[in-house]
Amino acid sequence: MNQEPLKSLLPKFIENLKTKGRSPATILAYRADLEQLILYLEKNNKLNASDVASSDLNSFRDYLLAQKYTPKSASRKLNAVKTFFRWLKDENIIANDPSKEVVHPKIEASQPKFLNQLEYRALRDITRVDARIAAIIELILQTGMRISEVANLKLANIKDHEVTIESYATQPQRTIPLNNAAKLALDSYLKERPQSDSPYTFISKNGKVLAVRNIRASIDRYMQKAEIEKFSVNDLRTTFIVENLKRGVDLVTISQTAGHKRLSTTERYLELAGIKEPGKKQKLEEL
């Protein structure tokens, strides 16, 4: 069997995904997930594909859960792992696929969570020392942007009081308004943003685009400091939807801003918000 290191095989797998026409977002996520796996395996002296057993992949799954990844996030990462090892088997790089025996973590159906005013104000207060994370949190709270959309937001797509979310995967391009709170937080960060040729808005100190996993980890740390660790970054988006429903904003405005494909998706949040009938306001509220 092929003894080429996993680290060398990963770029070949990524090229294979590209030839199959997988979306850029999927490819980016698979690359990040598999880099995380390979780093974990290397720490356990498993450098080659043929060295990896089912027990190693089960151990990786348990490691993710111990690191407070949700079962849903861990399961998504396992999808990348399983796709990678199926490809290795199909290419005759390994004789047997160790991922076949790996079981996904059980995902409990749970009600979406949202922060109340005291909780998101506490988070806002604790992040005042970090203009970058403060701007990211404010963008999600005030616009309902997905974390991946924030990570991929380009400077060229910020225009005064609106931002354009470029089309990706099956999501069409959309333009959403920036209220004063979001604009002030974004402007404060841009004044401190490191000098860089990167087209992306949110970058690291060395000028590289800030990865979704780094954004998630940073916000998780601030949630712990604000003593609201039961929440995750995804709950900020839910908070945007629920708060606007409570304040009488109409379903269409919220749905279009959040990028829901169907109005029925937005309607599901009415019960969560404790609302029987949606409002008629066509302007988003400032949280």
Protein backbone atom coordinates (compact mmCIF):
# COMPACT_ATOMS: atom_id res chain seq x y z
CA MET A 1 0.00 0.00 0.00
CA ASN A 2 0.99 3.62 -0.55
CA GLN A 3 3.09 5.01 2.31
CA GLU A 4 2.70 8.64 1.31
CA PRO A 5 2.04 10.86 4.37
CA LEU A 6 -1.52 12.03 5.02
CA LYS A 7 -0.31 15.61 4.83
CA SER A 8 0.78 15.02 1.21
CA LEU A 9 -2.41 13.19 0.28
CA LEU A 10 -4.72 15.96 1.46
CA PRO A 11 -3.98 18.39 -1.45
CA LYS A 12 -4.69 15.57 -3.93
CA PHE A 13 -8.02 14.87 -2.25
CA ILE A 14 -8.90 18.59 -2.37
CA GLU A 15 -8.15 18.64 -6.10
CA ASN A 16 -10.44 15.67 -6.52
CA LEU A 17 -13.25 17.58 -4.78
CA LYS A 18 -12.70 20.49 -7.15
CA THR A 19 -12.92 18.27 -10.23
CA LYS A 20 -16.22 16.91 -8.90
CA GLY A 21 -17.59 20.45 -8.72
CA ARG A 22 -18.01 20.60 -4.94
CA SER A 23 -18.79 24.11 -3.67
CA PRO A 24 -15.93 26.36 -2.46
CA ALA A 25 -17.51 26.48 1.01
CA THR A 26 -17.56 22.67 1.23
CA ILE A 27 -13.96 22.41 0.03
CA LEU A 28 -12.81 25.02 2.54
CA ALA A 29 -14.63 23.22 5.37
CA TYR A 30 -13.27 19.78 4.36
CA ARG A 31 -9.73 21.13 4.18
CA ALA A 32 -9.97 22.69 7.66
CA ASP A 33 -11.58 19.58 9.18
CA LEU A 34 -9.00 17.23 7.68
CA GLU A 35 -6.08 19.45 8.67
CA GLN A 36 -7.42 19.21 12.22
CA LEU A 37 -7.61 15.41 11.93
CA ILE A 38 -4.11 15.09 10.48
CA LEU A 39 -2.64 17.27 13.23
CA TYR A 40 -4.37 15.09 15.83
CA LEU A 41 -3.08 11.89 14.22
CA GLU A 42 0.45 13.25 13.90
CA LYS A 43 0.50 13.95 17.64
CA ASN A 44 -0.27 10.26 18.07
CA ASN A 45 2.47 9.22 15.63
CA LYS A 46 0.04 8.22 12.88
CA LEU A 47 1.60 9.83 9.81
CA ASN A 48 0.47 7.57 6.97
CA ALA A 49 -3.01 6.56 5.87
CA SER A 50 -2.20 2.88 6.36
CA ASP A 51 -1.32 3.57 10.00
CA VAL A 52 -4.84 4.76 10.86
CA ALA A 53 -7.27 2.38 12.52
CA SER A 54 -10.94 2.79 13.39
CA SER A 55 -9.95 3.29 17.01
CA ASP A 56 -7.91 6.38 16.02
CA LEU A 57 -10.90 7.94 14.29
CA ASN A 58 -13.19 7.07 17.20
CA SER A 59 -10.64 8.73 19.46
CA PHE A 60 -10.67 11.83 17.25
CA ARG A 61 -14.47 11.98 17.48
CA ASP A 62 -14.30 11.73 21.28
CA TYR A 63 -11.58 14.39 21.35
CA LEU A 64 -13.85 16.79 19.44
CA LEU A 65 -16.69 16.23 21.89
CA ALA A 66 -14.31 16.73 24.83
CA GLN A 67 -13.26 20.04 23.25
CA LYS A 68 -16.92 21.11 23.47
CA TYR A 69 -17.75 20.76 19.80
CA THR A 70 -21.45 20.03 19.55
CA PRO A 71 -22.43 16.54 18.37
CA LYS A 72 -23.70 18.19 15.18
CA SER A 73 -20.31 19.87 14.53
CA ALA A 74 -18.41 16.68 15.35
CA SER A 75 -20.69 14.74 13.00
CA ARG A 76 -20.06 17.25 10.21
CA LYS A 77 -16.31 16.82 10.67
CA LEU A 78 -16.73 13.05 10.57
CA ASN A 79 -18.46 13.40 7.21
CA ALA A 80 -15.28 14.98 5.87
CA VAL A 81 -13.18 12.22 7.45
CA LYS A 82 -15.34 9.47 5.97
CA THR A 83 -15.30 11.05 2.51
CA PHE A 84 -11.51 11.34 2.68
CA PHE A 85 -10.97 7.71 3.67
CA ARG A 86 -13.44 6.45 1.06
CA TRP A 87 -11.39 8.32 -1.52
CA LEU A 88 -8.17 6.77 -0.18
CA LYS A 89 -9.75 3.30 -0.51
CA ASP A 90 -11.07 4.02 -4.03
CA GLU A 91 -7.61 5.18 -5.07
CA ASN A 92 -6.07 1.97 -3.66
CA ILE A 93 -3.96 3.99 -1.27
CA ILE A 94 -5.32 1.91 1.63
CA ALA A 95 -6.63 -1.67 1.59
CA ASN A 96 -9.46 -1.11 4.05
CA ASP A 97 -11.48 1.93 5.04
CA PRO A 98 -11.15 2.42 8.84
CA SER A 99 -13.86 5.09 8.86
CA LYS A 100 -16.61 2.60 7.92
CA GLU A 101 -16.85 1.40 11.51
CA VAL A 102 -16.87 4.89 13.05
CA VAL A 103 -20.27 5.89 14.41
CA HIS A 104 -21.51 9.46 14.37
CA PRO A 105 -22.30 10.99 17.77
CA LYS A 106 -25.98 10.98 18.66
CA ILE A 107 -27.58 14.32 17.84
CA GLU A 108 -30.44 15.22 20.12
CA ALA A 109 -33.17 17.30 18.52
CA SER A 110 -33.07 20.53 20.49
CA GLN A 111 -34.85 23.85 20.45
CA PRO A 112 -32.71 26.71 19.11
CA LYS A 113 -31.42 29.02 21.84
CA PHE A 114 -31.31 32.80 21.91
CA LEU A 115 -29.78 35.36 24.26
CA ASN A 116 -31.92 37.77 26.22
CA GLN A 117 -31.02 41.46 26.39
CA LEU A 118 -28.99 41.12 29.60
CA GLU A 119 -26.98 38.27 28.11
CA TYR A 120 -26.07 39.84 24.79
CA ARG A 121 -25.33 43.15 26.50
CA ALA A 122 -22.98 41.32 28.87
CA LEU A 123 -21.25 39.74 25.87
CA ARG A 124 -21.03 43.13 24.18
CA ASP A 125 -19.48 44.68 27.31
CA ILE A 126 -16.87 41.95 27.75
CA THR A 127 -15.65 42.26 24.15
CA ARG A 128 -15.10 46.04 24.17
CA VAL A 129 -11.37 45.37 24.59
CA ASP A 130 -11.32 43.38 21.31
CA ALA A 131 -12.52 45.52 18.40
CA ARG A 132 -12.34 42.66 15.90
CA ILE A 133 -14.49 40.20 17.86
CA ALA A 134 -16.79 43.01 19.01
CA ALA A 135 -17.44 43.89 15.36
CA ILE A 136 -18.10 40.26 14.43
CA ILE A 137 -20.57 39.81 17.29
CA GLU A 138 -22.33 43.06 16.43
CA LEU A 139 -22.60 42.10 12.76
CA ILE A 140 -24.27 38.79 13.60
CA LEU A 141 -26.57 40.30 16.23
CA GLN A 142 -27.65 43.20 14.03
CA THR A 143 -27.82 41.48 10.61
CA GLY A 144 -28.20 37.75 11.27
CA MET A 145 -25.19 36.94 9.09
CA ARG A 146 -23.91 33.39 9.28
CA ILE A 147 -20.46 32.92 10.80
CA SER A 148 -19.13 31.70 7.43
CA GLU A 149 -20.52 34.83 5.76
CA VAL A 150 -18.75 37.03 8.30
CA ALA A 151 -15.47 35.15 7.74
CA ASN A 152 -15.78 35.61 3.96
CA LEU A 153 -16.90 39.23 4.03
CA LYS A 154 -14.69 41.35 1.77
CA LEU A 155 -13.78 45.00 2.26
CA ALA A 156 -15.06 45.80 -1.22
CA ASN A 157 -18.52 44.58 -0.21
CA ILE A 158 -18.94 47.08 2.62
CA LYS A 159 -20.70 50.22 1.38
CA ASP A 160 -21.62 52.84 3.96
CA HIS A 161 -24.78 51.45 5.62
CA GLU A 162 -25.00 48.12 3.81
CA VAL A 163 -22.99 45.01 3.06
CA THR A 164 -23.23 42.60 0.16
CA ILE A 165 -23.01 38.87 0.81
CA GLU A 166 -21.58 37.25 -2.30
CA SER A 167 -23.31 34.18 -3.69
CA TYR A 168 -21.92 30.85 -2.54
CA ALA A 169 -22.99 27.20 -2.80
CA THR A 170 -26.77 27.42 -3.28
CA GLN A 171 -27.09 30.84 -1.64
CA PRO A 172 -27.76 33.77 -4.01
CA GLN A 173 -26.11 37.16 -3.51
CA ARG A 174 -27.97 39.47 -1.15
CA THR A 175 -27.49 42.98 0.22
CA ILE A 176 -28.37 43.68 3.84
CA PRO A 177 -28.57 46.92 5.83
CA LEU A 178 -26.10 47.96 8.50
CA ASN A 179 -27.68 49.84 11.38
CA ASN A 180 -25.75 52.34 13.47
CA ALA A 181 -24.62 49.80 16.08
CA ALA A 182 -23.18 47.45 13.45
CA LYS A 183 -21.58 50.28 11.48
CA LEU A 184 -19.94 51.84 14.54
CA ALA A 185 -18.48 48.49 15.63
CA LEU A 186 -17.25 47.74 12.12
CA ASP A 187 -15.71 51.21 11.71
CA SER A 188 -13.92 50.87 15.06
CA TYR A 189 -12.37 47.60 13.97
CA LEU A 190 -11.36 48.90 10.53
CA LYS A 191 -9.38 51.70 12.20
CA GLU A 192 -7.32 49.04 14.00
CA ARG A 193 -7.24 46.44 11.23
CA PRO A 194 -3.63 45.39 10.42
CA GLN A 195 -2.23 46.66 7.13
CA SER A 196 -2.67 43.88 4.61
CA ASP A 197 -3.34 43.18 0.94
CA SER A 198 -5.97 40.64 1.96
CA PRO A 199 -9.38 41.43 0.44
CA TYR A 200 -11.10 39.98 3.50
CA THR A 201 -12.41 42.19 6.28
CA PHE A 202 -11.49 40.09 9.29
CA ILE A 203 -7.86 39.03 9.33
CA SER A 204 -5.26 37.83 11.81
CA LYS A 205 -2.25 39.86 12.95
CA ASN A 206 -0.19 38.41 10.10
CA GLY A 207 -2.79 39.44 7.51
CA LYS A 208 -4.39 36.04 6.86
CA VAL A 209 -8.15 35.60 6.65
CA LEU A 210 -9.65 34.69 10.01
CA ALA A 211 -10.94 31.12 9.80
CA VAL A 212 -14.41 30.18 11.00
CA ARG A 213 -12.96 27.89 13.67
CA ASN A 214 -10.86 30.75 15.07
CA ILE A 215 -13.86 33.07 15.17
CA ARG A 216 -15.91 30.41 16.90
CA ALA A 217 -13.20 29.69 19.47
CA SER A 218 -12.72 33.40 20.25
CA ILE A 219 -16.44 34.03 20.76
CA ASP A 220 -16.70 30.90 22.92
CA ARG A 221 -13.95 32.30 25.18
CA TYR A 222 -15.75 35.62 25.56
CA MET A 223 -19.02 33.85 26.29
CA GLN A 224 -17.28 32.01 29.10
CA LYS A 225 -15.93 35.30 30.46
CA ALA A 226 -19.42 36.79 30.29
CA GLU A 227 -20.72 33.69 32.13
CA ILE A 228 -23.07 32.73 29.31
CA GLU A 229 -21.12 29.64 28.23
CA LYS A 230 -24.32 27.68 27.54
CA PHE A 231 -24.60 29.62 24.27
CA SER A 232 -22.66 29.38 21.00
CA VAL A 233 -21.99 31.76 18.13
CA ASN A 234 -24.92 30.27 16.19
CA ASP A 235 -27.26 31.45 18.92
CA LEU A 236 -26.39 35.06 18.05
CA ARG A 237 -28.05 34.59 14.65
CA THR A 238 -31.11 33.07 16.34
CA THR A 239 -31.16 36.07 18.69
CA PHE A 240 -31.29 38.43 15.70
CA ILE A 241 -34.32 36.60 14.28
CA VAL A 242 -36.19 36.24 17.58
CA GLU A 243 -35.62 39.83 18.72
CA ASN A 244 -36.82 41.26 15.41
CA LEU A 245 -39.91 39.04 15.48
CA LYS A 246 -40.67 40.19 19.02
CA ARG A 247 -40.36 43.82 17.95
CA GLY A 248 -42.84 43.48 15.14
CA VAL A 249 -40.62 43.21 12.05
CA ASP A 250 -42.35 41.37 9.21
CA LEU A 251 -41.33 37.86 8.15
CA VAL A 252 -40.24 38.79 4.64
CA THR A 253 -37.76 41.45 5.85
CA ILE A 254 -36.23 39.08 8.39
CA SER A 255 -36.18 36.15 5.98
CA GLN A 256 -34.46 38.09 3.19
CA THR A 257 -31.89 39.59 5.55
CA ALA A 258 -31.07 36.25 7.19
CA GLY A 259 -30.79 34.54 3.80
CA HIS A 260 -33.50 31.95 4.39
CA LYS A 261 -34.46 30.22 1.16
CA ARG A 262 -38.05 29.74 2.28
CA LEU A 263 -40.35 31.95 4.32
CA SER A 264 -41.47 28.83 6.17
CA THR A 265 -37.99 28.60 7.70
CA THR A 266 -38.46 32.02 9.30
CA GLU A 267 -42.01 31.15 10.38
CA ARG A 268 -40.64 28.35 12.56
CA TYR A 269 -39.11 30.97 14.86
CA LEU A 270 -42.51 32.50 15.71
CA GLU A 271 -43.17 29.90 18.40
CA LEU A 272 -39.67 30.33 19.81
CA ALA A 273 -40.26 34.09 20.01
CA GLY A 274 -43.67 33.56 21.62
CA ILE A 275 -45.39 35.32 18.74
CA LYS A 276 -48.70 34.17 17.23
CA GLU A 277 -48.92 36.70 14.42
CA PRO A 278 -45.91 38.34 12.69
CA GLY A 279 -45.59 42.12 12.68
CA LYS A 280 -45.65 44.48 9.72
CA LYS A 281 -42.56 46.66 10.22
CA GLN A 282 -40.29 46.61 7.19
CA LYS A 283 -37.24 48.00 8.95
CA LEU A 284 -34.98 45.93 11.19
CA GLU A 285 -34.71 46.83 14.85
CA GLU A 286 -31.45 47.72 16.56
CA LEU A 287 -30.56 45.32 19.36
